[in-house]
PDB file of N, CA and C in Angstrom:
ATOM      1  N   UNK A   1     156.517  69.470  48.590  1.00  0.00           N
ATOM      2  CA  UNK A   1     155.842  68.291  49.232  1.00  0.00           C
ATOM      3  C   UNK A   1     154.376  68.555  48.917  1.00  0.00           C
ATOM      4  N   UNK A   2     153.517  67.456  47.876  1.00  0.00           N
ATOM      5  CA  UNK A   2     151.995  67.498  47.725  1.00  0.00           C
ATOM      6  C   UNK A   2     151.271  67.557  48.773  1.00  0.00           C
ATOM      7  N   UNK A   3     151.547  66.905  49.977  1.00  0.00           N
ATOM      8  CA  UNK A   3     150.567  66.957  51.012  1.00  0.00           C
ATOM      9  C   UNK A   3     150.503  67.887  52.184  1.00  0.00           C
ATOM     10  N   UNK A   4     151.763  68.863  51.908  1.00  0.00           N
ATOM     11  CA  UNK A   4     151.847  69.909  52.720  1.00  0.00           C
ATOM     12  C   UNK A   4     150.702  71.113  51.948  1.00  0.00           C
ATOM     13  N   UNK A   5     150.845  71.127  50.993  1.00  0.00           N
ATOM     14  CA  UNK A   5     149.622  72.030  50.272  1.00  0.00           C
ATOM     15  C   UNK A   5     148.336  71.861  50.978  1.00  0.00           C
ATOM     16  N   UNK A   6     148.102  70.254  50.889  1.00  0.00           N
ATOM     17  CA  UNK A   6     146.500  70.115  51.224  1.00  0.00           C
ATOM     18  C   UNK A   6     146.518  70.482  52.719  1.00  0.00           C
ATOM     19  N   UNK A   7     147.281  70.008  53.629  1.00  0.00           N
ATOM     20  CA  UNK A   7     147.388  70.461  55.029  1.00  0.00           C
ATOM     21  C   UNK A   7     146.935  71.466  55.188  1.00  0.00           C
ATOM     22  N   UNK A   8     147.842  72.753  54.662  1.00  0.00           N
ATOM     23  CA  UNK A   8     147.793  74.070  54.860  1.00  0.00           C
ATOM     24  C   UNK A   8     146.363  74.483  54.445  1.00  0.00           C
ATOM     25  N   UNK A   9     145.389  74.195  53.512  1.00  0.00           N
ATOM     26  CA  UNK A   9     144.524  74.466  52.895  1.00  0.00           C
ATOM     27  C   UNK A   9     143.264  73.911  53.644  1.00  0.00           C
ATOM     28  N   UNK A  10     143.262  72.608  54.764  1.00  0.00           N
ATOM     29  CA  UNK A  10     142.655  72.237  55.237  1.00  0.00           C
ATOM     30  C   UNK A  10     142.790  72.873  56.937  1.00  0.00           C
ATOM     31  N   UNK A  11     143.930  73.455  56.971  1.00  0.00           N
ATOM     32  CA  UNK A  11     144.587  74.017  58.213  1.00  0.00           C
ATOM     33  C   UNK A  11     143.394  75.730  58.219  1.00  0.00           C
ATOM     34  N   UNK A  12     143.635  76.228  56.778  1.00  0.00           N
ATOM     35  CA  UNK A  12     142.933  77.370  56.776  1.00  0.00           C
ATOM     36  C   UNK A  12     141.677  77.381  56.542  1.00  0.00           C
ATOM     37  N   UNK A  13     140.791  76.113  56.537  1.00  0.00           N
ATOM     38  CA  UNK A  13     139.212  75.954  56.382  1.00  0.00           C
ATOM     39  C   UNK A  13     138.742  75.865  57.734  1.00  0.00           C
ATOM     40  N   UNK A  14     139.621  75.066  58.794  1.00  0.00           N
ATOM     41  CA  UNK A  14     139.432  74.812  59.821  1.00  0.00           C
ATOM     42  C   UNK A  14     139.576  76.231  61.001  1.00  0.00           C
ATOM     43  N   UNK A  15     140.411  76.896  60.393  1.00  0.00           N
ATOM     44  CA  UNK A  15     140.275  78.372  60.956  1.00  0.00           C
ATOM     45  C   UNK A  15     139.405  79.238  60.656  1.00  0.00           C
ATOM     46  N   UNK A  16     138.653  79.209  59.532  1.00  0.00           N
ATOM     47  CA  UNK A  16     137.756  79.707  59.194  1.00  0.00           C
ATOM     48  C   UNK A  16     136.228  79.418  59.432  1.00  0.00           C
ATOM     49  N   UNK A  17     136.372  77.977  60.097  1.00  0.00           N
ATOM     50  CA  UNK A  17     134.869  77.717  60.283  1.00  0.00           C
ATOM     51  C   UNK A  17     134.911  78.112  62.006  1.00  0.00           C
ATOM     52  N   UNK A  18     136.145  77.680  62.718  1.00  0.00           N
ATOM     53  CA  UNK A  18     136.219  78.302  63.845  1.00  0.00           C
ATOM     54  C   UNK A  18     136.177  79.729  64.527  1.00  0.00           C
ATOM     55  N   UNK A  19     136.314  80.573  63.027  1.00  0.00           N
ATOM     56  CA  UNK A  19     136.248  82.058  63.274  1.00  0.00           C
ATOM     57  C   UNK A  19     134.742  82.478  63.157  1.00  0.00           C
ATOM     58  N   UNK A  20     134.219  81.843  61.823  1.00  0.00           N
ATOM     59  CA  UNK A  20     132.750  81.802  61.640  1.00  0.00           C
ATOM     60  C   UNK A  20     131.908  81.526  63.288  1.00  0.00           C
ATOM     61  N   UNK A  21     132.190  80.397  63.568  1.00  0.00           N
ATOM     62  CA  UNK A  21     131.250  80.376  64.981  1.00  0.00           C
ATOM     63  C   UNK A  21     131.673  81.348  65.704  1.00  0.00           C
ATOM     64  N   UNK A  22     133.120  81.381  66.099  1.00  0.00           N
ATOM     65  CA  UNK A  22     133.350  82.301  67.803  1.00  0.00           C
ATOM     66  C   UNK A  22     132.903  83.931  67.313  1.00  0.00           C
ATOM     67  N   UNK A  23     133.293  84.109  66.268  1.00  0.00           N
ATOM     68  CA  UNK A  23     133.329  85.678  65.978  1.00  0.00           C
ATOM     69  C   UNK A  23     131.799  85.962  65.538  1.00  0.00           C
ATOM     70  N   UNK A  24     130.902  85.158  64.896  1.00  0.00           N
ATOM     71  CA  UNK A  24     129.489  85.616  64.321  1.00  0.00           C
ATOM     72  C   UNK A  24     128.659  84.887  65.055  1.00  0.00           C
ATOM     73  N   UNK A  25     128.690  83.269  65.448  1.00  0.00           N
ATOM     74  CA  UNK A  25     127.320  82.686  65.784  1.00  0.00           C
ATOM     75  C   UNK A  25     127.552  83.130  67.295  1.00  0.00           C
ATOM     76  N   UNK A  26     128.672  82.716  67.874  1.00  0.00           N
ATOM     77  CA  UNK A  26     128.694  82.566  69.434  1.00  0.00           C
ATOM     78  C   UNK A  26     127.884  83.828  70.287  1.00  0.00           C
ATOM     79  N   UNK A  27     128.118  85.101  69.777  1.00  0.00           N
ATOM     80  CA  UNK A  27     127.547  86.364  70.162  1.00  0.00           C
ATOM     81  C   UNK A  27     125.905  86.201  69.733  1.00  0.00           C
ATOM     82  N   UNK A  28     125.631  85.960  68.776  1.00  0.00           N
ATOM     83  CA  UNK A  28     124.495  86.184  68.401  1.00  0.00           C
ATOM     84  C   UNK A  28     123.353  85.233  69.218  1.00  0.00           C
ATOM     85  N   UNK A  29     123.804  84.070  69.053  1.00  0.00           N
ATOM     86  CA  UNK A  29     123.236  82.804  69.772  1.00  0.00           C
ATOM     87  C   UNK A  29     123.049  83.189  71.173  1.00  0.00           C
ATOM     88  N   UNK A  30     124.214  83.599  71.868  1.00  0.00           N
ATOM     89  CA  UNK A  30     124.346  84.361  73.530  1.00  0.00           C
ATOM     90  C   UNK A  30     123.235  85.560  73.377  1.00  0.00           C
ATOM     91  N   UNK A  31     123.051  86.582  72.408  1.00  0.00           N
ATOM     92  CA  UNK A  31     121.984  87.322  72.821  1.00  0.00           C
ATOM     93  C   UNK A  31     120.979  87.160  72.514  1.00  0.00           C
ATOM     94  N   UNK A  32     120.695  86.070  71.419  1.00  0.00           N
ATOM     95  CA  UNK A  32     119.459  85.565  71.541  1.00  0.00           C
ATOM     96  C   UNK A  32     118.357  85.218  72.637  1.00  0.00           C
ATOM     97  N   UNK A  33     119.465  84.355  73.262  1.00  0.00           N
ATOM     98  CA  UNK A  33     118.986  83.623  74.411  1.00  0.00           C
ATOM     99  C   UNK A  33     118.242  84.187  75.358  1.00  0.00           C
ATOM    100  N   UNK A  34     119.519  85.556  75.844  1.00  0.00           N
ATOM    101  CA  UNK A  34     118.935  86.180  76.660  1.00  0.00           C
ATOM    102  C   UNK A  34     118.121  87.369  76.609  1.00  0.00           C
ATOM    103  N   UNK A  35     117.972  87.546  75.096  1.00  0.00           N
ATOM    104  CA  UNK A  35     116.740  88.242  74.791  1.00  0.00           C
ATOM    105  C   UNK A  35     115.585  87.910  74.532  1.00  0.00           C
ATOM    106  N   UNK A  36     115.391  86.479  74.274  1.00  0.00           N
ATOM    107  CA  UNK A  36     114.084  85.702  74.175  1.00  0.00           C
ATOM    108  C   UNK A  36     113.996  84.758  75.531  1.00  0.00           C
ATOM    109  N   UNK A  37     114.275  84.460  76.346  1.00  0.00           N
ATOM    110  CA  UNK A  37     114.351  83.443  77.243  1.00  0.00           C
ATOM    111  C   UNK A  37     112.297  84.107  78.028  1.00  0.00           C
ATOM    112  N   UNK A  38     111.783  82.439  77.840  1.00  0.00           N
ATOM    113  CA  UNK A  38     110.449  82.712  78.097  1.00  0.00           C
ATOM    114  C   UNK A  38     110.382  82.708  79.787  1.00  0.00           C
ATOM    115  N   UNK A  39     111.152  82.777  80.293  1.00  0.00           N
ATOM    116  CA  UNK A  39     110.632  82.852  81.930  1.00  0.00           C
ATOM    117  C   UNK A  39     110.574  84.387  82.334  1.00  0.00           C
ATOM    118  N   UNK A  40     110.121  84.658  83.349  1.00  0.00           N
ATOM    119  CA  UNK A  40     110.216  85.951  83.949  1.00  0.00           C
ATOM    120  C   UNK A  40     111.327  85.839  84.928  1.00  0.00           C
ATOM    121  N   UNK A  41     111.968  87.340  84.499  1.00  0.00           N
ATOM    122  CA  UNK A  41     113.196  86.991  85.395  1.00  0.00           C
ATOM    123  C   UNK A  41     113.355  87.322  86.740  1.00  0.00           C
ATOM    124  N   UNK A  42     113.790  87.197  87.875  1.00  0.00           N
ATOM    125  CA  UNK A  42     113.517  87.536  89.290  1.00  0.00           C
ATOM    126  C   UNK A  42     114.727  88.116  89.579  1.00  0.00           C
ATOM    127  N   UNK A  43     116.107  87.497  89.741  1.00  0.00           N
ATOM    128  CA  UNK A  43     117.402  87.715  90.313  1.00  0.00           C
ATOM    129  C   UNK A  43     118.168  88.149  89.127  1.00  0.00           C
ATOM    130  N   UNK A  44     118.001  88.152  87.783  1.00  0.00           N
ATOM    131  CA  UNK A  44     119.142  88.029  86.876  1.00  0.00           C
ATOM    132  C   UNK A  44     119.750  87.210  86.667  1.00  0.00           C
ATOM    133  N   UNK A  45     120.101  86.069  87.750  1.00  0.00           N
ATOM    134  CA  UNK A  45     121.165  85.004  87.302  1.00  0.00           C
ATOM    135  C   UNK A  45     121.178  84.007  86.328  1.00  0.00           C
ATOM    136  N   UNK A  46     119.836  83.468  85.753  1.00  0.00           N
ATOM    137  CA  UNK A  46     119.444  82.703  85.294  1.00  0.00           C
ATOM    138  C   UNK A  46     120.091  83.048  83.625  1.00  0.00           C
ATOM    139  N   UNK A  47     119.506  84.402  83.450  1.00  0.00           N
ATOM    140  CA  UNK A  47     119.763  85.372  82.167  1.00  0.00           C
ATOM    141  C   UNK A  47     121.313  85.744  82.145  1.00  0.00           C
ATOM    142  N   UNK A  48     122.027  86.320  83.180  1.00  0.00           N
ATOM    143  CA  UNK A  48     123.221  86.686  82.922  1.00  0.00           C
ATOM    144  C   UNK A  48     124.249  85.010  82.862  1.00  0.00           C
ATOM    145  N   UNK A  49     123.817  83.853  83.424  1.00  0.00           N
ATOM    146  CA  UNK A  49     124.188  82.793  83.120  1.00  0.00           C
ATOM    147  C   UNK A  49     123.911  81.911  81.162  1.00  0.00           C
ATOM    148  N   UNK A  50     123.171  82.619  81.193  1.00  0.00           N
ATOM    149  CA  UNK A  50     122.891  81.743  79.554  1.00  0.00           C
ATOM    150  C   UNK A  50     124.187  82.356  78.738  1.00  0.00           C
ATOM    151  N   UNK A  51     124.980  81.099  78.054  1.00  0.00           N
ATOM    152  CA  UNK A  51     125.998  81.458  77.039  1.00  0.00           C
ATOM    153  C   UNK A  51     126.611  80.740  76.136  1.00  0.00           C
ATOM    154  N   UNK A  52     127.365  81.156  75.241  1.00  0.00           N
ATOM    155  CA  UNK A  52     127.726  80.086  74.272  1.00  0.00           C
ATOM    156  C   UNK A  52     129.123  80.005  74.224  1.00  0.00           C
ATOM    157  N   UNK A  53     129.463  78.657  73.547  1.00  0.00           N
ATOM    158  CA  UNK A  53     131.358  79.014  73.593  1.00  0.00           C
ATOM    159  C   UNK A  53     131.246  78.603  72.429  1.00  0.00           C
ATOM    160  N   UNK A  54     132.861  78.068  71.759  1.00  0.00           N
ATOM    161  CA  UNK A  54     133.182  77.241  71.035  1.00  0.00           C
ATOM    162  C   UNK A  54     134.343  76.279  71.450  1.00  0.00           C
ATOM    163  N   UNK A  55     133.973  74.928  71.355  1.00  0.00           N
ATOM    164  CA  UNK A  55     135.143  74.154  72.087  1.00  0.00           C
ATOM    165  C   UNK A  55     135.723  73.597  70.572  1.00  0.00           C
ATOM    166  N   UNK A  56     137.139  73.572  70.430  1.00  0.00           N
ATOM    167  CA  UNK A  56     137.343  72.736  69.428  1.00  0.00           C
ATOM    168  C   UNK A  56     138.898  71.463  69.800  1.00  0.00           C
ATOM    169  N   UNK A  57     138.752  71.209  69.077  1.00  0.00           N
ATOM    170  CA  UNK A  57     140.486  69.859  69.113  1.00  0.00           C
ATOM    171  C   UNK A  57     141.073  69.520  67.589  1.00  0.00           C
ATOM    172  N   UNK A  58     141.463  68.838  67.615  1.00  0.00           N
ATOM    173  CA  UNK A  58     142.153  68.375  65.989  1.00  0.00           C
ATOM    174  C   UNK A  58     140.969  68.021  65.289  1.00  0.00           C
ATOM    175  N   UNK A  59     139.887  67.169  66.068  1.00  0.00           N
ATOM    176  CA  UNK A  59     139.183  66.498  65.349  1.00  0.00           C
ATOM    177  C   UNK A  59     137.847  67.437  64.813  1.00  0.00           C
ATOM    178  N   UNK A  60     137.121  68.093  66.207  1.00  0.00           N
ATOM    179  CA  UNK A  60     135.985  68.733  65.973  1.00  0.00           C
ATOM    180  C   UNK A  60     135.847  70.214  66.451  1.00  0.00           C
ATOM    181  N   UNK A  61     135.255  71.085  65.855  1.00  0.00           N
ATOM    182  CA  UNK A  61     134.707  72.441  66.468  1.00  0.00           C
ATOM    183  C   UNK A  61     133.390  72.637  66.913  1.00  0.00           C
ATOM    184  N   UNK A  62     132.606  72.714  67.952  1.00  0.00           N
ATOM    185  CA  UNK A  62     131.597  72.457  68.631  1.00  0.00           C
ATOM    186  C   UNK A  62     131.059  74.171  69.184  1.00  0.00           C
ATOM    187  N   UNK A  63     130.094  74.364  68.836  1.00  0.00           N
ATOM    188  CA  UNK A  63     129.609  75.709  69.488  1.00  0.00           C
ATOM    189  C   UNK A  63     128.370  75.280  70.502  1.00  0.00           C
ATOM    190  N   UNK A  64     128.614  75.606  71.676  1.00  0.00           N
ATOM    191  CA  UNK A  64     127.911  75.060  72.758  1.00  0.00           C
ATOM    192  C   UNK A  64     127.172  75.973  73.364  1.00  0.00           C
ATOM    193  N   UNK A  65     126.059  75.654  73.312  1.00  0.00           N
ATOM    194  CA  UNK A  65     124.807  76.789  74.379  1.00  0.00           C
ATOM    195  C   UNK A  65     124.597  76.203  75.826  1.00  0.00           C
ATOM    196  N   UNK A  66     124.763  76.848  76.388  1.00  0.00           N
ATOM    197  CA  UNK A  66     124.551  76.405  78.140  1.00  0.00           C
ATOM    198  C   UNK A  66     123.848  77.660  79.143  1.00  0.00           C
ATOM    199  N   UNK A  67     123.547  77.067  80.140  1.00  0.00           N
ATOM    200  CA  UNK A  67     122.814  77.847  81.249  1.00  0.00           C
ATOM    201  C   UNK A  67     124.510  78.125  82.345  1.00  0.00           C
ATOM    202  N   UNK A  68     124.693  78.922  83.236  1.00  0.00           N
ATOM    203  CA  UNK A  68     125.487  79.033  84.338  1.00  0.00           C
ATOM    204  C   UNK A  68     124.571  78.464  85.650  1.00  0.00           C
ATOM    205  N   UNK A  69     123.582  78.529  85.793  1.00  0.00           N
ATOM    206  CA  UNK A  69     123.167  78.058  87.043  1.00  0.00           C
ATOM    207  C   UNK A  69     122.613  76.976  86.794  1.00  0.00           C
ATOM    208  N   UNK A  70     122.859  76.351  88.517  1.00  0.00           N
ATOM    209  CA  UNK A  70     122.122  74.915  88.674  1.00  0.00           C
ATOM    210  C   UNK A  70     121.176  74.679  88.456  1.00  0.00           C
ATOM    211  N   UNK A  71     120.340  75.423  88.168  1.00  0.00           N
ATOM    212  CA  UNK A  71     118.851  75.140  87.762  1.00  0.00           C
ATOM    213  C   UNK A  71     118.362  75.110  86.360  1.00  0.00           C
ATOM    214  N   UNK A  72     119.314  75.387  85.947  1.00  0.00           N
ATOM    215  CA  UNK A  72     119.319  75.854  84.100  1.00  0.00           C
ATOM    216  C   UNK A  72     118.595  74.730  83.615  1.00  0.00           C
ATOM    217  N   UNK A  73     118.824  73.375  83.608  1.00  0.00           N
ATOM    218  CA  UNK A  73     118.358  72.171  83.698  1.00  0.00           C
ATOM    219  C   UNK A  73     116.521  72.253  84.033  1.00  0.00           C
ATOM    220  N   UNK A  74     116.088  72.646  84.863  1.00  0.00           N
ATOM    221  CA  UNK A  74     114.968  72.516  85.347  1.00  0.00           C
ATOM    222  C   UNK A  74     113.974  73.624  84.482  1.00  0.00           C
ATOM    223  N   UNK A  75     115.120  74.573  84.022  1.00  0.00           N
ATOM    224  CA  UNK A  75     114.139  75.619  83.191  1.00  0.00           C
ATOM    225  C   UNK A  75     113.755  75.366  81.955  1.00  0.00           C
ATOM    226  N   UNK A  76     114.938  74.195  81.502  1.00  0.00           N
ATOM    227  CA  UNK A  76     114.957  73.705  80.305  1.00  0.00           C
ATOM    228  C   UNK A  76     113.848  72.562  80.229  1.00  0.00           C
ATOM    229  N   UNK A  77     113.992  71.638  80.890  1.00  0.00           N
ATOM    230  CA  UNK A  77     113.068  70.371  80.833  1.00  0.00           C
ATOM    231  C   UNK A  77     112.039  70.725  81.873  1.00  0.00           C
ATOM    232  N   UNK A  78     111.636  71.579  82.763  1.00  0.00           N
ATOM    233  CA  UNK A  78     110.411  71.525  83.101  1.00  0.00           C
ATOM    234  C   UNK A  78     110.528  70.677  84.633  1.00  0.00           C
ATOM    235  N   UNK A  79     109.704  70.025  85.407  1.00  0.00           N
ATOM    236  CA  UNK A  79     109.988  69.614  86.837  1.00  0.00           C
ATOM    237  C   UNK A  79     108.523  69.393  87.461  1.00  0.00           C
ATOM    238  N   UNK A  80     108.637  68.629  88.273  1.00  0.00           N
ATOM    239  CA  UNK A  80     107.250  68.437  89.161  1.00  0.00           C
ATOM    240  C   UNK A  80     107.756  69.282  90.514  1.00  0.00           C
ATOM    241  N   UNK A  81     107.096  70.138  91.704  1.00  0.00           N
ATOM    242  CA  UNK A  81     107.186  70.442  93.049  1.00  0.00           C
ATOM    243  C   UNK A  81     105.655  70.046  93.543  1.00  0.00           C
ATOM    244  N   UNK A  82     106.081  70.100  95.173  1.00  0.00           N
ATOM    245  CA  UNK A  82     104.997  69.880  95.974  1.00  0.00           C
ATOM    246  C   UNK A  82     104.464  71.344  96.535  1.00  0.00           C
ATOM    247  N   UNK A  83     103.369  71.387  96.392  1.00  0.00           N
ATOM    248  CA  UNK A  83     102.410  72.888  97.182  1.00  0.00           C
ATOM    249  C   UNK A  83     102.447  72.297  98.508  1.00  0.00           C
ATOM    250  N   UNK A  84     101.777  73.677  99.150  1.00  0.00           N
ATOM    251  CA  UNK A  84     102.049  73.607 100.205  1.00  0.00           C
ATOM    252  C   UNK A  84     100.902  72.589 101.429  1.00  0.00           C
ATOM    253  N   UNK A  85     100.204  72.565 100.124  1.00  0.00           N
ATOM    254  CA  UNK A  85      99.455  71.430 100.850  1.00  0.00           C
ATOM    255  C   UNK A  85      99.398  69.921 100.225  1.00  0.00           C
ATOM    256  N   UNK A  86     100.782  69.781  99.674  1.00  0.00           N
ATOM    257  CA  UNK A  86     101.424  68.269  99.454  1.00  0.00           C
ATOM    258  C   UNK A  86     101.051  68.120  98.221  1.00  0.00           C
ATOM    259  N   UNK A  87     100.225  68.483  97.105  1.00  0.00           N
ATOM    260  CA  UNK A  87      99.870  68.457  96.326  1.00  0.00           C
ATOM    261  C   UNK A  87     101.189  68.510  95.022  1.00  0.00           C
ATOM    262  N   UNK A  88     101.266  67.383  94.330  1.00  0.00           N
ATOM    263  CA  UNK A  88     102.564  67.428  93.108  1.00  0.00           C
ATOM    264  C   UNK A  88     102.262  68.096  92.114  1.00  0.00           C
ATOM    265  N   UNK A  89     102.575  69.235  91.480  1.00  0.00           N
ATOM    266  CA  UNK A  89     102.332  69.792  90.361  1.00  0.00           C
ATOM    267  C   UNK A  89     103.589  69.634  89.548  1.00  0.00           C
ATOM    268  N   UNK A  90     102.946  69.828  88.100  1.00  0.00           N
ATOM    269  CA  UNK A  90     103.955  70.062  87.168  1.00  0.00           C
ATOM    270  C   UNK A  90     104.513  71.614  86.773  1.00  0.00           C
ATOM    271  N   UNK A  91     105.543  71.710  86.268  1.00  0.00           N
ATOM    272  CA  UNK A  91     105.954  73.258  86.432  1.00  0.00           C
ATOM    273  C   UNK A  91     106.393  73.053  84.669  1.00  0.00           C
ATOM    274  N   UNK A  92     105.848  74.005  84.197  1.00  0.00           N
ATOM    275  CA  UNK A  92     106.011  73.616  82.610  1.00  0.00           C
ATOM    276  C   UNK A  92     107.792  74.256  82.262  1.00  0.00           C
ATOM    277  N   UNK A  93     108.117  73.570  81.192  1.00  0.00           N
ATOM    278  CA  UNK A  93     109.536  74.043  80.806  1.00  0.00           C
ATOM    279  C   UNK A  93     109.636  75.368  80.239  1.00  0.00           C
ATOM    280  N   UNK A  94     110.334  75.886  80.706  1.00  0.00           N
ATOM    281  CA  UNK A  94     110.890  77.583  80.242  1.00  0.00           C
ATOM    282  C   UNK A  94     112.309  77.278  79.261  1.00  0.00           C
ATOM    283  N   UNK A  95     111.831  76.367  78.188  1.00  0.00           N
ATOM    284  CA  UNK A  95     113.476  76.261  77.389  1.00  0.00           C
ATOM    285  C   UNK A  95     113.911  77.637  76.241  1.00  0.00           C
ATOM    286  N   UNK A  96     115.298  77.499  76.167  1.00  0.00           N
ATOM    287  CA  UNK A  96     115.369  78.417  75.480  1.00  0.00           C
ATOM    288  C   UNK A  96     116.625  78.166  74.546  1.00  0.00           C
ATOM    289  N   UNK A  97     117.666  77.191  75.073  1.00  0.00           N
ATOM    290  CA  UNK A  97     119.055  76.604  74.657  1.00  0.00           C
ATOM    291  C   UNK A  97     118.624  75.723  73.442  1.00  0.00           C
ATOM    292  N   UNK A  98     117.793  74.637  73.450  1.00  0.00           N
ATOM    293  CA  UNK A  98     117.270  74.075  72.273  1.00  0.00           C
ATOM    294  C   UNK A  98     116.487  74.768  71.513  1.00  0.00           C
ATOM    295  N   UNK A  99     115.344  75.620  71.610  1.00  0.00           N
ATOM    296  CA  UNK A  99     115.274  76.404  70.683  1.00  0.00           C
ATOM    297  C   UNK A  99     115.854  77.491  69.799  1.00  0.00           C
ATOM    298  N   UNK A 100     117.061  77.553  70.277  1.00  0.00           N
ATOM    299  CA  UNK A 100     118.144  78.681  69.774  1.00  0.00           C
ATOM    300  C   UNK A 100     118.857  77.702  69.263  1.00  0.00           C
ATOM    301  N   UNK A 101     118.912  76.624  69.269  1.00  0.00           N
ATOM    302  CA  UNK A 101     120.042  75.609  68.211  1.00  0.00           C
ATOM    303  C   UNK A 101     118.961  75.167  67.046  1.00  0.00           C
ATOM    304  N   UNK A 102     117.817  75.391  67.268  1.00  0.00           N
ATOM    305  CA  UNK A 102     117.163  74.681  66.037  1.00  0.00           C
ATOM    306  C   UNK A 102     116.434  76.021  65.325  1.00  0.00           C
ATOM    307  N   UNK A 103     116.839  77.285  65.790  1.00  0.00           N
ATOM    308  CA  UNK A 103     116.577  78.306  65.095  1.00  0.00           C
ATOM    309  C   UNK A 103     117.938  78.645  63.841  1.00  0.00           C
ATOM    310  N   UNK A 104     118.911  78.586  64.835  1.00  0.00           N
ATOM    311  CA  UNK A 104     120.005  78.766  63.881  1.00  0.00           C
ATOM    312  C   UNK A 104     120.726  77.529  63.265  1.00  0.00           C
ATOM    313  N   UNK A 105     120.987  76.491  63.902  1.00  0.00           N
ATOM    314  CA  UNK A 105     121.253  75.316  63.337  1.00  0.00           C
ATOM    315  C   UNK A 105     121.515  75.111  61.711  1.00  0.00           C
ATOM    316  N   UNK A 106     120.476  75.216  60.769  1.00  0.00           N
ATOM    317  CA  UNK A 106     120.466  75.215  59.523  1.00  0.00           C
ATOM    318  C   UNK A 106     121.094  76.529  58.928  1.00  0.00           C
ATOM    319  N   UNK A 107     120.815  77.632  59.575  1.00  0.00           N
ATOM    320  CA  UNK A 107     122.227  78.462  58.685  1.00  0.00           C
ATOM    321  C   UNK A 107     123.226  78.391  59.204  1.00  0.00           C
ATOM    322  N   UNK A 108     123.819  77.743  60.242  1.00  0.00           N
ATOM    323  CA  UNK A 108     125.296  77.291  60.624  1.00  0.00           C
ATOM    324  C   UNK A 108     125.763  76.080  59.922  1.00  0.00           C
ATOM    325  N   UNK A 109     125.068  75.369  59.697  1.00  0.00           N
ATOM    326  CA  UNK A 109     125.093  74.371  58.725  1.00  0.00           C
ATOM    327  C   UNK A 109     125.660  74.512  57.021  1.00  0.00           C
ATOM    328  N   UNK A 110     124.605  75.875  56.788  1.00  0.00           N
ATOM    329  CA  UNK A 110     124.772  75.940  55.458  1.00  0.00           C
ATOM    330  C   UNK A 110     126.155  76.700  55.165  1.00  0.00           C
ATOM    331  N   UNK A 111     126.308  77.664  56.318  1.00  0.00           N
ATOM    332  CA  UNK A 111     127.659  78.491  55.724  1.00  0.00           C
ATOM    333  C   UNK A 111     128.965  77.610  56.084  1.00  0.00           C
ATOM    334  N   UNK A 112     128.920  76.579  57.508  1.00  0.00           N
ATOM    335  CA  UNK A 112     129.807  75.765  57.524  1.00  0.00           C
ATOM    336  C   UNK A 112     130.245  74.898  56.050  1.00  0.00           C
ATOM    337  N   UNK A 113     129.167  74.339  55.487  1.00  0.00           N
ATOM    338  CA  UNK A 113     129.623  73.650  54.760  1.00  0.00           C
ATOM    339  C   UNK A 113     130.319  74.834  53.035  1.00  0.00           C
ATOM    340  N   UNK A 114     129.624  75.783  53.489  1.00  0.00           N
ATOM    341  CA  UNK A 114     130.062  76.613  51.942  1.00  0.00           C
ATOM    342  C   UNK A 114     131.421  77.001  52.422  1.00  0.00           C
ATOM    343  N   UNK A 115     132.022  77.275  53.428  1.00  0.00           N
ATOM    344  CA  UNK A 115     133.643  77.733  53.604  1.00  0.00           C
ATOM    345  C   UNK A 115     134.379  76.107  53.288  1.00  0.00           C
ATOM    346  N   UNK A 116     133.636  75.198  53.954  1.00  0.00           N
ATOM    347  CA  UNK A 116     134.437  74.058  53.765  1.00  0.00           C
ATOM    348  C   UNK A 116     134.841  73.094  52.469  1.00  0.00           C
ATOM    349  N   UNK A 117     133.520  73.776  51.547  1.00  0.00           N
ATOM    350  CA  UNK A 117     133.607  73.114  50.100  1.00  0.00           C
ATOM    351  C   UNK A 117     134.195  73.997  49.531  1.00  0.00           C
ATOM    352  N   UNK A 118     134.713  75.294  49.595  1.00  0.00           N
ATOM    353  CA  UNK A 118     135.011  76.507  48.913  1.00  0.00           C
ATOM    354  C   UNK A 118     136.588  76.261  48.375  1.00  0.00           C
TER     355      UNK A 118
END
């Protein structure tokens, strides 16, 4: 069958992309986030919660980066808080997820495209 050979090649490329993301970029991005986080570590929970994983379905493969603590969104985006005197002050963001994606996305995209078009 003519179509079977096409499907086999597509399946092999799909597996190669998954392997590239899971074996290479998942550990690289996770290690980068943990070693380059811009905040001061207090309990270690926020650092320990930084993670990356590869999610896949029949139609897409995604490298997902994230926090494992409920306050990760406040580290990423910043927030406001009240002081003891009742003033509202802005707390600056301590983002690491987006900067990591921005750092690695061009390289990941090039390598995925190279695999897919070979």
